[in-house]
All heavy atoms as atom14 arrays in JSON, in Angstrom:
{
  "sequence": "SIDVFIDGERLDLAKVNFKTFKRQLNMKEGYVDINFIIADKKGH",
  "atom14_mask": [
    [1, 1, 1, 1, 1, 1, 0, 0, 0, 0, 0, 0, 0, 0],
    [1, 1, 1, 1, 1, 1, 1, 1, 0, 0, 0, 0, 0, 0],
    [1, 1, 1, 1, 1, 1, 1, 1, 0, 0, 0, 0, 0, 0],
    [1, 1, 1, 1, 1, 1, 1, 0, 0, 0, 0, 0, 0, 0],
    [1, 1, 1, 1, 1, 1, 1, 1, 1, 1, 1, 0, 0, 0],
    [1, 1, 1, 1, 1, 1, 1, 1, 0, 0, 0, 0, 0, 0],
    [1, 1, 1, 1, 1, 1, 1, 1, 0, 0, 0, 0, 0, 0],
    [1, 1, 1, 1, 0, 0, 0, 0, 0, 0, 0, 0, 0, 0],
    [1, 1, 1, 1, 1, 1, 1, 1, 1, 0, 0, 0, 0, 0],
    [1, 1, 1, 1, 1, 1, 1, 1, 1, 1, 1, 0, 0, 0],
    [1, 1, 1, 1, 1, 1, 1, 1, 0, 0, 0, 0, 0, 0],
    [1, 1, 1, 1, 1, 1, 1, 1, 0, 0, 0, 0, 0, 0],
    [1, 1, 1, 1, 1, 1, 1, 1, 0, 0, 0, 0, 0, 0],
    [1, 1, 1, 1, 1, 0, 0, 0, 0, 0, 0, 0, 0, 0],
    [1, 1, 1, 1, 1, 1, 1, 1, 1, 0, 0, 0, 0, 0],
    [1, 1, 1, 1, 1, 1, 1, 0, 0, 0, 0, 0, 0, 0],
    [1, 1, 1, 1, 1, 1, 1, 1, 0, 0, 0, 0, 0, 0],
    [1, 1, 1, 1, 1, 1, 1, 1, 1, 1, 1, 0, 0, 0],
    [1, 1, 1, 1, 1, 1, 1, 1, 1, 0, 0, 0, 0, 0],
    [1, 1, 1, 1, 1, 1, 1, 0, 0, 0, 0, 0, 0, 0],
    [1, 1, 1, 1, 1, 1, 1, 1, 1, 1, 1, 0, 0, 0],
    [1, 1, 1, 1, 1, 1, 1, 1, 1, 0, 0, 0, 0, 0],
    [1, 1, 1, 1, 1, 1, 1, 1, 1, 1, 1, 0, 0, 0],
    [1, 1, 1, 1, 1, 1, 1, 1, 1, 0, 0, 0, 0, 0],
    [1, 1, 1, 1, 1, 1, 1, 1, 0, 0, 0, 0, 0, 0],
    [1, 1, 1, 1, 1, 1, 1, 1, 0, 0, 0, 0, 0, 0],
    [1, 1, 1, 1, 1, 1, 1, 1, 0, 0, 0, 0, 0, 0],
    [1, 1, 1, 1, 1, 1, 1, 1, 1, 0, 0, 0, 0, 0],
    [1, 1, 1, 1, 1, 1, 1, 1, 1, 0, 0, 0, 0, 0],
    [1, 1, 1, 1, 0, 0, 0, 0, 0, 0, 0, 0, 0, 0],
    [1, 1, 1, 1, 1, 1, 1, 1, 1, 1, 1, 1, 0, 0],
    [1, 1, 1, 1, 1, 1, 1, 0, 0, 0, 0, 0, 0, 0],
    [1, 1, 1, 1, 1, 1, 1, 1, 0, 0, 0, 0, 0, 0],
    [1, 1, 1, 1, 1, 1, 1, 1, 0, 0, 0, 0, 0, 0],
    [1, 1, 1, 1, 1, 1, 1, 1, 0, 0, 0, 0, 0, 0],
    [1, 1, 1, 1, 1, 1, 1, 1, 1, 1, 1, 0, 0, 0],
    [1, 1, 1, 1, 1, 1, 1, 1, 0, 0, 0, 0, 0, 0],
    [1, 1, 1, 1, 1, 1, 1, 1, 0, 0, 0, 0, 0, 0],
    [1, 1, 1, 1, 1, 0, 0, 0, 0, 0, 0, 0, 0, 0],
    [1, 1, 1, 1, 1, 1, 1, 1, 0, 0, 0, 0, 0, 0],
    [1, 1, 1, 1, 1, 1, 1, 1, 1, 0, 0, 0, 0, 0],
    [1, 1, 1, 1, 1, 1, 1, 1, 1, 0, 0, 0, 0, 0],
    [1, 1, 1, 1, 0, 0, 0, 0, 0, 0, 0, 0, 0, 0],
    [1, 1, 1, 1, 1, 1, 1, 1, 1, 1, 0, 0, 0, 0]
  ],
  "atom14_positions": [
    [[0.8, -1.22, 0.0], [0.0, 0.0, 0.0], [0.84, 1.28, 0.0], [1.9, 1.35, 0.62], [-0.93, 0.02, 1.21], [-1.94, -0.96, 1.08], [0.0, 0.0, 0.0], [0.0, 0.0, 0.0], [0.0, 0.0, 0.0], [0.0, 0.0, 0.0], [0.0, 0.0, 0.0], [0.0, 0.0, 0.0], [0.0, 0.0, 0.0], [0.0, 0.0, 0.0]],
    [[0.32, 2.27, -0.71], [0.82, 3.64, -0.67], [-0.41, 4.55, -0.57], [-1.24, 4.57, -1.48], [1.63, 4.0, -1.93], [2.86, 3.09, -2.06], [2.06, 5.47, -1.9], [3.62, 3.26, -3.37], [0.0, 0.0, 0.0], [0.0, 0.0, 0.0], [0.0, 0.0, 0.0], [0.0, 0.0, 0.0], [0.0, 0.0, 0.0], [0.0, 0.0, 0.0]],
    [[-0.55, 5.23, 0.54], [-1.67, 6.16, 0.69], [-1.38, 7.42, -0.12], [-0.23, 7.91, -0.14], [-1.87, 6.52, 2.17], [-3.14, 5.91, 2.73], [-3.98, 5.45, 1.93], [-3.3, 5.89, 3.97], [0.0, 0.0, 0.0], [0.0, 0.0, 0.0], [0.0, 0.0, 0.0], [0.0, 0.0, 0.0], [0.0, 0.0, 0.0], [0.0, 0.0, 0.0]],
    [[-2.4, 7.95, -0.76], [-2.25, 9.14, -1.62], [-3.24, 10.21, -1.16], [-4.43, 9.93, -0.98], [-2.5, 8.78, -3.1], [-2.34, 10.02, -3.98], [-1.57, 7.67, -3.57], [0.0, 0.0, 0.0], [0.0, 0.0, 0.0], [0.0, 0.0, 0.0], [0.0, 0.0, 0.0], [0.0, 0.0, 0.0], [0.0, 0.0, 0.0], [0.0, 0.0, 0.0]],
    [[-2.73, 11.43, -0.99], [-3.58, 12.58, -0.68], [-3.38, 13.64, -1.75], [-2.24, 13.97, -2.1], [-3.24, 13.17, 0.69], [-3.69, 12.31, 1.85], [-2.96, 11.19, 2.23], [-4.85, 12.62, 2.55], [-3.37, 10.4, 3.29], [-5.27, 11.83, 3.61], [-4.53, 10.72, 3.98], [0.0, 0.0, 0.0], [0.0, 0.0, 0.0], [0.0, 0.0, 0.0]],
    [[-4.48, 14.13, -2.31], [-4.44, 15.19, -3.32], [-5.12, 16.42, -2.73], [-6.32, 16.37, -2.38], [-5.12, 14.75, -4.62], [-4.41, 13.51, -5.21], [-5.13, 15.89, -5.63], [-5.08, 12.92, -6.42], [0.0, 0.0, 0.0], [0.0, 0.0, 0.0], [0.0, 0.0, 0.0], [0.0, 0.0, 0.0], [0.0, 0.0, 0.0], [0.0, 0.0, 0.0]],
    [[-4.33, 17.47, -2.57], [-4.84, 18.69, -1.92], [-5.48, 18.37, -0.58], [-6.57, 18.87, -0.23], [-5.83, 19.42, -2.83], [-5.12, 20.16, -3.97], [-3.93, 20.51, -3.8], [-5.76, 20.38, -5.01], [0.0, 0.0, 0.0], [0.0, 0.0, 0.0], [0.0, 0.0, 0.0], [0.0, 0.0, 0.0], [0.0, 0.0, 0.0], [0.0, 0.0, 0.0]],
    [[-4.83, 17.48, 0.16], [-5.26, 17.16, 1.52], [-6.36, 16.13, 1.63], [-6.75, 15.75, 2.74], [0.0, 0.0, 0.0], [0.0, 0.0, 0.0], [0.0, 0.0, 0.0], [0.0, 0.0, 0.0], [0.0, 0.0, 0.0], [0.0, 0.0, 0.0], [0.0, 0.0, 0.0], [0.0, 0.0, 0.0], [0.0, 0.0, 0.0], [0.0, 0.0, 0.0]],
    [[-6.9, 15.67, 0.52], [-7.99, 14.7, 0.56], [-7.48, 13.31, 0.17], [-6.83, 13.14, -0.87], [-9.11, 15.12, -0.4], [-10.35, 14.23, -0.29], [-11.53, 14.79, -1.07], [-11.56, 16.01, -1.34], [-12.43, 14.0, -1.42], [0.0, 0.0, 0.0], [0.0, 0.0, 0.0], [0.0, 0.0, 0.0], [0.0, 0.0, 0.0], [0.0, 0.0, 0.0]],
    [[-7.8, 12.35, 1.01], [-7.32, 10.98, 0.77], [-7.96, 10.4, -0.48], [-9.18, 10.47, -0.67], [-7.66, 10.09, 1.97], [-7.03, 8.7, 1.9], [-7.5, 7.84, 3.05], [-6.64, 6.69, 3.27], [-6.89, 5.71, 4.15], [-8.0, 5.77, 4.89], [-6.05, 4.7, 4.29], [0.0, 0.0, 0.0], [0.0, 0.0, 0.0], [0.0, 0.0, 0.0]],
    [[-7.14, 9.81, -1.33], [-7.63, 9.17, -2.54], [-8.25, 7.83, -2.19], [-7.59, 6.94, -1.65], [-6.48, 8.98, -3.53], [-6.81, 8.25, -4.84], [-7.9, 9.0, -5.61], [-5.56, 8.08, -5.69], [0.0, 0.0, 0.0], [0.0, 0.0, 0.0], [0.0, 0.0, 0.0], [0.0, 0.0, 0.0], [0.0, 0.0, 0.0], [0.0, 0.0, 0.0]],
    [[-9.52, 7.69, -2.5], [-10.26, 6.44, -2.3], [-10.78, 6.01, -3.67], [-11.68, 6.64, -4.24], [-11.41, 6.66, -1.33], [-12.23, 5.39, -1.07], [-11.97, 4.37, -1.74], [-13.13, 5.43, -0.21], [0.0, 0.0, 0.0], [0.0, 0.0, 0.0], [0.0, 0.0, 0.0], [0.0, 0.0, 0.0], [0.0, 0.0, 0.0], [0.0, 0.0, 0.0]],
    [[-10.22, 4.93, -4.2], [-10.58, 4.51, -5.56], [-12.02, 4.03, -5.68], [-12.53, 3.88, -6.8], [-9.62, 3.42, -6.04], [-8.17, 3.85, -6.27], [-7.36, 2.71, -6.88], [-8.09, 5.09, -7.17], [0.0, 0.0, 0.0], [0.0, 0.0, 0.0], [0.0, 0.0, 0.0], [0.0, 0.0, 0.0], [0.0, 0.0, 0.0], [0.0, 0.0, 0.0]],
    [[-12.68, 3.8, -4.55], [-14.09, 3.43, -4.61], [-14.99, 4.65, -4.83], [-16.19, 4.49, -5.08], [-14.5, 2.7, -3.33], [0.0, 0.0, 0.0], [0.0, 0.0, 0.0], [0.0, 0.0, 0.0], [0.0, 0.0, 0.0], [0.0, 0.0, 0.0], [0.0, 0.0, 0.0], [0.0, 0.0, 0.0], [0.0, 0.0, 0.0], [0.0, 0.0, 0.0]],
    [[-14.4, 5.84, -4.75], [-15.22, 7.05, -4.81], [-14.79, 8.01, -5.91], [-15.04, 9.21, -5.83], [-15.18, 7.76, -3.45], [-15.77, 6.93, -2.32], [-15.65, 7.65, -0.98], [-16.24, 6.79, 0.14], [-16.11, 7.45, 1.46], [0.0, 0.0, 0.0], [0.0, 0.0, 0.0], [0.0, 0.0, 0.0], [0.0, 0.0, 0.0], [0.0, 0.0, 0.0]],
    [[-14.14, 7.46, -6.92], [-13.71, 8.31, -8.04], [-14.33, 7.79, -9.33], [-14.86, 6.68, -9.39], [-12.17, 8.32, -8.18], [-11.51, 8.92, -6.95], [-11.64, 6.91, -8.45], [0.0, 0.0, 0.0], [0.0, 0.0, 0.0], [0.0, 0.0, 0.0], [0.0, 0.0, 0.0], [0.0, 0.0, 0.0], [0.0, 0.0, 0.0], [0.0, 0.0, 0.0]],
    [[-14.26, 8.61, -10.34], [-14.73, 8.23, -11.67], [-13.52, 7.82, -12.51], [-12.61, 8.62, -12.72], [-15.47, 9.39, -12.31], [-15.89, 9.08, -13.74], [-16.2, 7.94, -14.07], [-15.87, 10.1, -14.59], [0.0, 0.0, 0.0], [0.0, 0.0, 0.0], [0.0, 0.0, 0.0], [0.0, 0.0, 0.0], [0.0, 0.0, 0.0], [0.0, 0.0, 0.0]],
    [[-13.51, 6.57, -12.97], [-12.42, 6.1, -13.82], [-12.68, 6.53, -15.26], [-13.64, 6.09, -15.89], [-12.29, 4.57, -13.75], [-11.69, 4.06, -12.47], [-12.49, 3.58, -11.46], [-10.31, 4.07, -12.3], [-11.93, 3.12, -10.27], [-9.74, 3.6, -11.12], [-10.55, 3.12, -10.1], [0.0, 0.0, 0.0], [0.0, 0.0, 0.0], [0.0, 0.0, 0.0]],
    [[-11.82, 7.38, -15.77], [-11.9, 7.77, -17.18], [-11.32, 6.66, -18.06], [-11.83, 6.38, -19.14], [-11.13, 9.08, -17.41], [-11.52, 10.21, -16.48], [-12.86, 10.82, -16.85], [-12.74, 11.73, -18.04], [-14.01, 12.47, -18.3], [0.0, 0.0, 0.0], [0.0, 0.0, 0.0], [0.0, 0.0, 0.0], [0.0, 0.0, 0.0], [0.0, 0.0, 0.0]],
    [[-10.23, 6.07, -17.61], [-9.64, 4.88, -18.24], [-9.19, 3.95, -17.13], [-8.9, 4.4, -16.0], [-8.43, 5.23, -19.13], [-7.37, 5.72, -18.3], [-8.79, 6.26, -20.19], [0.0, 0.0, 0.0], [0.0, 0.0, 0.0], [0.0, 0.0, 0.0], [0.0, 0.0, 0.0], [0.0, 0.0, 0.0], [0.0, 0.0, 0.0], [0.0, 0.0, 0.0]],
    [[-9.11, 2.66, -17.42], [-8.65, 1.71, -16.41], [-8.12, 0.45, -17.1], [-8.76, -0.1, -17.99], [-9.79, 1.3, -15.46], [-9.34, 0.33, -14.39], [-8.85, 0.79, -13.18], [-9.39, -1.05, -14.61], [-8.42, -0.11, -12.2], [-8.97, -1.94, -13.64], [-8.48, -1.48, -12.43], [0.0, 0.0, 0.0], [0.0, 0.0, 0.0], [0.0, 0.0, 0.0]],
    [[-6.94, 0.02, -16.67], [-6.37, -1.22, -17.19], [-5.51, -1.86, -16.1], [-4.56, -1.26, -15.59], [-5.5, -0.93, -18.43], [-4.97, -2.17, -19.13], [-4.22, -1.75, -20.4], [-3.74, -2.95, -21.19], [-3.01, -2.54, -22.42], [0.0, 0.0, 0.0], [0.0, 0.0, 0.0], [0.0, 0.0, 0.0], [0.0, 0.0, 0.0], [0.0, 0.0, 0.0]],
    [[-5.89, -3.09, -15.74], [-5.09, -3.9, -14.8], [-4.6, -5.11, -15.59], [-5.4, -5.82, -16.2], [-5.94, -4.3, -13.6], [-5.23, -5.1, -12.56], [-5.89, -5.12, -11.17], [-7.33, -5.07, -11.11], [-8.05, -5.02, -9.98], [-7.42, -5.02, -8.8], [-9.36, -4.96, -10.01], [0.0, 0.0, 0.0], [0.0, 0.0, 0.0], [0.0, 0.0, 0.0]],
    [[-3.31, -5.36, -15.56], [-2.73, -6.35, -16.47], [-1.68, -7.2, -15.77], [-0.76, -6.7, -15.14], [-2.1, -5.63, -17.66], [-1.36, -6.52, -18.64], [-0.88, -5.74, -19.85], [-1.5, -4.76, -20.27], [0.22, -6.17, -20.43], [0.0, 0.0, 0.0], [0.0, 0.0, 0.0], [0.0, 0.0, 0.0], [0.0, 0.0, 0.0], [0.0, 0.0, 0.0]],
    [[-1.84, -8.52, -15.92], [-0.84, -9.48, -15.47], [0.0, -9.89, -16.67], [-0.52, -10.44, -17.64], [-1.52, -10.71, -14.86], [-0.61, -11.93, -14.58], [0.4, -11.6, -13.49], [-1.45, -13.14, -14.19], [0.0, 0.0, 0.0], [0.0, 0.0, 0.0], [0.0, 0.0, 0.0], [0.0, 0.0, 0.0], [0.0, 0.0, 0.0], [0.0, 0.0, 0.0]],
    [[1.3, -9.62, -16.61], [2.23, -10.06, -17.64], [2.89, -11.34, -17.16], [3.67, -11.34, -16.21], [3.28, -8.98, -17.93], [4.24, -9.39, -19.03], [4.95, -10.38, -18.93], [4.28, -8.6, -20.09], [0.0, 0.0, 0.0], [0.0, 0.0, 0.0], [0.0, 0.0, 0.0], [0.0, 0.0, 0.0], [0.0, 0.0, 0.0], [0.0, 0.0, 0.0]],
    [[2.55, -12.45, -17.82], [3.04, -13.75, -17.37], [4.45, -14.04, -17.86], [5.17, -14.83, -17.25], [2.07, -14.84, -17.83], [0.66, -14.67, -17.28], [-0.51, -15.89, -17.88], [-0.77, -15.38, -19.59], [0.0, 0.0, 0.0], [0.0, 0.0, 0.0], [0.0, 0.0, 0.0], [0.0, 0.0, 0.0], [0.0, 0.0, 0.0], [0.0, 0.0, 0.0]],
    [[4.84, -13.43, -18.96], [6.17, -13.68, -19.51], [7.26, -13.19, -18.58], [8.29, -13.85, -18.39], [6.3, -13.0, -20.88], [7.55, -13.38, -21.64], [7.52, -12.82, -23.05], [8.7, -13.32, -23.87], [8.65, -12.83, -25.27], [0.0, 0.0, 0.0], [0.0, 0.0, 0.0], [0.0, 0.0, 0.0], [0.0, 0.0, 0.0], [0.0, 0.0, 0.0]],
    [[7.04, -12.02, -17.97], [8.05, -11.42, -17.1], [7.63, -11.32, -15.65], [8.4, -10.86, -14.81], [8.43, -10.04, -17.64], [9.06, -10.08, -19.03], [9.46, -8.7, -19.51], [8.57, -7.96, -19.97], [10.65, -8.37, -19.42], [0.0, 0.0, 0.0], [0.0, 0.0, 0.0], [0.0, 0.0, 0.0], [0.0, 0.0, 0.0], [0.0, 0.0, 0.0]],
    [[6.41, -11.73, -15.34], [6.0, -11.85, -13.95], [5.78, -10.54, -13.23], [6.36, -10.29, -12.16], [0.0, 0.0, 0.0], [0.0, 0.0, 0.0], [0.0, 0.0, 0.0], [0.0, 0.0, 0.0], [0.0, 0.0, 0.0], [0.0, 0.0, 0.0], [0.0, 0.0, 0.0], [0.0, 0.0, 0.0], [0.0, 0.0, 0.0], [0.0, 0.0, 0.0]],
    [[4.92, -9.69, -13.77], [4.61, -8.44, -13.08], [3.15, -8.06, -13.32], [2.48, -8.59, -14.21], [5.52, -7.3, -13.53], [5.37, -6.88, -14.98], [4.41, -5.95, -15.38], [6.22, -7.39, -15.97], [4.27, -5.56, -16.7], [6.1, -7.0, -17.29], [5.13, -6.09, -17.66], [4.99, -5.7, -18.96], [0.0, 0.0, 0.0], [0.0, 0.0, 0.0]],
    [[2.67, -7.12, -12.5], [1.31, -6.58, -12.66], [1.41, -5.07, -12.84], [2.1, -4.38, -12.08], [0.43, -6.91, -11.44], [-0.86, -6.09, -11.46], [0.1, -8.4, -11.42], [0.0, 0.0, 0.0], [0.0, 0.0, 0.0], [0.0, 0.0, 0.0], [0.0, 0.0, 0.0], [0.0, 0.0, 0.0], [0.0, 0.0, 0.0], [0.0, 0.0, 0.0]],
    [[0.74, -4.57, -13.87], [0.58, -3.13, -14.1], [-0.87, -2.74, -13.8], [-1.79, -3.46, -14.21], [0.87, -2.76, -15.56], [2.36, -2.67, -15.86], [3.17, -2.69, -14.91], [2.71, -2.59, -17.06], [0.0, 0.0, 0.0], [0.0, 0.0, 0.0], [0.0, 0.0, 0.0], [0.0, 0.0, 0.0], [0.0, 0.0, 0.0], [0.0, 0.0, 0.0]],
    [[-1.05, -1.64, -13.1], [-2.38, -1.07, -12.91], [-2.29, 0.4, -13.31], [-1.64, 1.21, -12.64], [-2.87, -1.2, -11.45], [-2.75, -2.64, -10.95], [-4.31, -0.72, -11.33], [-3.15, -2.85, -9.5], [0.0, 0.0, 0.0], [0.0, 0.0, 0.0], [0.0, 0.0, 0.0], [0.0, 0.0, 0.0], [0.0, 0.0, 0.0], [0.0, 0.0, 0.0]],
    [[-2.93, 0.72, -14.43], [-2.85, 2.07, -14.99], [-4.26, 2.64, -15.18], [-5.14, 1.94, -15.69], [-2.13, 2.05, -16.34], [-0.71, 1.49, -16.23], [-0.05, 1.65, -15.21], [-0.27, 0.81, -17.27], [0.0, 0.0, 0.0], [0.0, 0.0, 0.0], [0.0, 0.0, 0.0], [0.0, 0.0, 0.0], [0.0, 0.0, 0.0], [0.0, 0.0, 0.0]],
    [[-4.45, 3.9, -14.79], [-5.77, 4.5, -14.96], [-5.69, 6.02, -14.91], [-4.69, 6.6, -14.44], [-6.76, 4.0, -13.9], [-6.25, 4.07, -12.48], [-6.28, 5.26, -11.76], [-5.74, 2.93, -11.86], [-5.82, 5.32, -10.46], [-5.27, 2.99, -10.56], [-5.31, 4.18, -9.85], [0.0, 0.0, 0.0], [0.0, 0.0, 0.0], [0.0, 0.0, 0.0]],
    [[-6.73, 6.64, -15.41], [-6.94, 8.08, -15.25], [-8.25, 8.25, -14.49], [-9.28, 7.66, -14.85], [-7.01, 8.8, -16.6], [-5.66, 8.69, -17.34], [-7.39, 10.27, -16.43], [-5.7, 9.24, -18.75], [0.0, 0.0, 0.0], [0.0, 0.0, 0.0], [0.0, 0.0, 0.0], [0.0, 0.0, 0.0], [0.0, 0.0, 0.0], [0.0, 0.0, 0.0]],
    [[-8.22, 9.04, -13.42], [-9.4, 9.24, -12.59], [-9.77, 10.72, -12.55], [-8.93, 11.6, -12.76], [-9.17, 8.74, -11.14], [-7.91, 9.38, -10.55], [-9.09, 7.23, -11.1], [-7.69, 9.1, -9.08], [0.0, 0.0, 0.0], [0.0, 0.0, 0.0], [0.0, 0.0, 0.0], [0.0, 0.0, 0.0], [0.0, 0.0, 0.0], [0.0, 0.0, 0.0]],
    [[-11.03, 10.94, -12.29], [-11.52, 12.31, -12.09], [-12.21, 12.37, -10.73], [-13.04, 11.5, -10.41], [-12.5, 12.69, -13.2], [0.0, 0.0, 0.0], [0.0, 0.0, 0.0], [0.0, 0.0, 0.0], [0.0, 0.0, 0.0], [0.0, 0.0, 0.0], [0.0, 0.0, 0.0], [0.0, 0.0, 0.0], [0.0, 0.0, 0.0], [0.0, 0.0, 0.0]],
    [[-11.85, 13.37, -9.93], [-12.49, 13.49, -8.62], [-13.66, 14.47, -8.7], [-13.98, 15.01, -9.77], [-11.47, 13.9, -7.55], [-10.83, 15.25, -7.81], [-11.42, 16.06, -8.56], [-9.73, 15.5, -7.28], [0.0, 0.0, 0.0], [0.0, 0.0, 0.0], [0.0, 0.0, 0.0], [0.0, 0.0, 0.0], [0.0, 0.0, 0.0], [0.0, 0.0, 0.0]],
    [[-14.29, 14.74, -7.59], [-15.49, 15.59, -7.58], [-15.2, 17.04, -7.93], [-16.1, 17.8, -8.27], [-16.19, 15.49, -6.23], [-15.34, 15.91, -5.05], [-16.04, 15.59, -3.74], [-15.18, 15.93, -2.54], [-15.82, 15.56, -1.26], [0.0, 0.0, 0.0], [0.0, 0.0, 0.0], [0.0, 0.0, 0.0], [0.0, 0.0, 0.0], [0.0, 0.0, 0.0]],
    [[-13.92, 17.43, -7.85], [-13.53, 18.78, -8.24], [-13.26, 18.88, -9.74], [-12.98, 19.96, -10.25], [-12.27, 19.19, -7.48], [-12.42, 19.26, -5.98], [-11.08, 19.6, -5.33], [-11.17, 19.58, -3.8], [-9.83, 19.85, -3.19], [0.0, 0.0, 0.0], [0.0, 0.0, 0.0], [0.0, 0.0, 0.0], [0.0, 0.0, 0.0], [0.0, 0.0, 0.0]],
    [[-13.3, 17.73, -10.42], [-12.98, 17.72, -11.85], [-11.5, 17.56, -12.13], [-11.08, 17.58, -13.29], [0.0, 0.0, 0.0], [0.0, 0.0, 0.0], [0.0, 0.0, 0.0], [0.0, 0.0, 0.0], [0.0, 0.0, 0.0], [0.0, 0.0, 0.0], [0.0, 0.0, 0.0], [0.0, 0.0, 0.0], [0.0, 0.0, 0.0], [0.0, 0.0, 0.0]],
    [[-10.71, 17.38, -11.09], [-9.28, 17.15, -11.27], [-9.05, 15.76, -11.87], [-9.57, 14.76, -11.35], [-8.54, 17.25, -9.93], [-8.48, 18.63, -9.39], [-8.01, 18.92, -8.12], [-8.83, 19.83, -9.94], [-8.08, 20.23, -7.91], [-8.57, 20.8, -9.0], [0.0, 0.0, 0.0], [0.0, 0.0, 0.0], [0.0, 0.0, 0.0], [0.0, 0.0, 0.0]]
  ]
}
């Protein structure tokens, strides 16, 4: 875990709007990527 705060507000992924989202298991090299763009209630 890494906690994230943006302008003092804790990032909770259950309460954001995902503009894009991709979670990927690469079996050839043994890693997981989780990439996304989110928008919060301020439009950030």
